[in-house]
Amino acid sequence: AYEIRLSLVGSEMCIRDRLDALAVVAWNQPVARDDLTRLGCDATPAVMRQLVRRGLLELVKLPRDQIDVQEEIPCYRTTPRFLEVFQLRSLSDLPDPHEPPR
């Protein structure tokens, strides 16, 4: 069902890459761009840009304290459009990522 809904937001990208990226961000947000691979997301920068352009993810800059330097790092998080496409009221409606699918 999710693959069908996701195909409504574009057909040129691989559905698996899009779902993988959305799942990693949804369950771990906000996710620093540099942490995506560490979390198991192999989506290319082009896939991430497409998801941002389609309004499913947004890229925000959040402060991060590092030794005596404070810098802003780009992070991904889901949008209200993400909730709408996947028919969720909130992120708490996401299934537990450690439970097998029903």
Protein backbone atom coordinates (compact mmCIF):
# COMPACT_ATOMS: atom_id res chain seq x y z
CA ALA A 1 0.00 0.00 0.00
CA TYR A 2 2.83 2.43 0.83
CA GLU A 3 4.52 1.70 -2.50
CA ILE A 4 1.34 2.62 -4.34
CA ARG A 5 1.02 5.91 -2.43
CA LEU A 6 4.67 6.71 -2.97
CA SER A 7 4.36 6.14 -6.70
CA LEU A 8 1.88 9.02 -6.74
CA VAL A 9 4.70 11.43 -5.91
CA GLY A 10 6.88 10.45 -8.86
CA SER A 11 7.85 7.47 -10.90
CA GLU A 12 11.39 8.22 -12.07
CA MET A 13 13.14 7.12 -8.88
CA CYS A 14 13.38 3.61 -7.52
CA ILE A 15 10.59 3.06 -5.00
CA ARG A 16 12.86 1.06 -2.70
CA ASP A 17 15.40 3.91 -2.42
CA ARG A 18 12.65 6.40 -1.64
CA LEU A 19 11.01 4.19 0.98
CA ASP A 20 14.37 3.45 2.58
CA ALA A 21 15.25 7.14 2.83
CA LEU A 22 11.82 8.09 4.17
CA ALA A 23 11.91 5.31 6.77
CA VAL A 24 15.37 6.23 8.03
CA VAL A 25 14.43 9.88 8.37
CA ALA A 26 10.98 9.25 9.87
CA TRP A 27 12.29 6.97 12.62
CA ASN A 28 15.44 8.95 13.41
CA GLN A 29 14.60 12.58 12.74
CA PRO A 30 16.07 15.04 12.63
CA VAL A 31 18.84 13.23 10.76
CA ALA A 32 22.06 14.97 9.81
CA ARG A 33 22.90 14.48 6.18
CA ASP A 34 26.22 12.92 7.21
CA ASP A 35 24.45 10.34 9.43
CA LEU A 36 22.22 8.82 6.74
CA THR A 37 24.74 6.18 5.67
CA ARG A 38 25.58 5.29 9.27
CA LEU A 39 21.87 4.64 9.81
CA GLY A 40 21.70 2.32 6.80
CA CYS A 41 20.34 4.69 4.16
CA ASP A 42 22.01 4.23 0.79
CA ALA A 43 19.90 6.84 -1.01
CA THR A 44 21.87 9.09 -3.31
CA PRO A 45 21.87 12.86 -2.89
CA ALA A 46 19.63 12.98 -5.98
CA VAL A 47 17.01 10.81 -4.24
CA MET A 48 17.12 13.03 -1.15
CA ARG A 49 16.74 16.18 -3.29
CA GLN A 50 13.73 14.64 -5.06
CA LEU A 51 12.05 13.86 -1.72
CA VAL A 52 12.64 17.44 -0.59
CA ARG A 53 11.29 18.83 -3.88
CA ARG A 54 8.21 16.65 -3.58
CA GLY A 55 7.56 18.00 -0.10
CA LEU A 56 7.97 14.73 1.79
CA LEU A 57 11.17 15.80 3.54
CA GLU A 58 12.60 19.16 4.46
CA LEU A 59 16.18 20.14 5.01
CA VAL A 60 16.68 22.32 8.07
CA LYS A 61 19.77 23.61 9.82
CA LEU A 62 19.98 22.76 13.50
CA PRO A 63 22.67 23.98 15.88
CA ARG A 64 25.22 21.48 17.12
CA ASP A 65 27.73 22.25 19.83
CA GLN A 66 31.22 21.01 19.15
CA ILE A 67 34.17 21.57 21.41
CA ASP A 68 34.27 25.39 21.42
CA VAL A 69 32.56 25.86 18.11
CA GLN A 70 28.87 26.06 17.43
CA GLU A 71 27.90 25.34 13.86
CA GLU A 72 24.68 24.61 12.05
CA ILE A 73 24.38 21.24 10.36
CA PRO A 74 21.87 20.33 7.65
CA CYS A 75 19.30 17.79 8.87
CA TYR A 76 16.36 16.07 7.23
CA ARG A 77 12.95 15.70 8.79
CA THR A 78 9.53 14.69 7.53
CA THR A 79 6.81 17.17 6.61
CA PRO A 80 3.04 17.33 7.01
CA ARG A 81 2.86 16.14 3.38
CA PHE A 82 4.67 12.94 4.44
CA LEU A 83 1.96 12.31 7.05
CA GLU A 84 -0.75 13.02 4.48
CA VAL A 85 0.68 10.68 1.81
CA PHE A 86 1.07 7.82 4.28
CA GLN A 87 -2.26 8.57 5.99
CA LEU A 88 -0.73 9.13 9.44
CA ARG A 89 -2.07 11.49 12.08
CA SER A 90 1.38 11.85 13.62
CA LEU A 91 4.76 10.15 13.64
CA SER A 92 3.64 8.10 16.63
CA ASP A 93 1.38 6.22 14.18
CA LEU A 94 4.45 4.76 12.45
CA PRO A 95 4.86 1.03 12.99
CA ASP A 96 7.65 -0.10 15.29
CA PRO A 97 10.71 -0.61 13.07
CA HIS A 98 11.69 -3.71 15.05
CA GLU A 99 8.40 -5.56 14.60
CA PRO A 100 7.75 -7.69 11.51
CA PRO A 101 5.27 -6.20 9.03
CA ARG A 102 1.66 -7.30 9.26
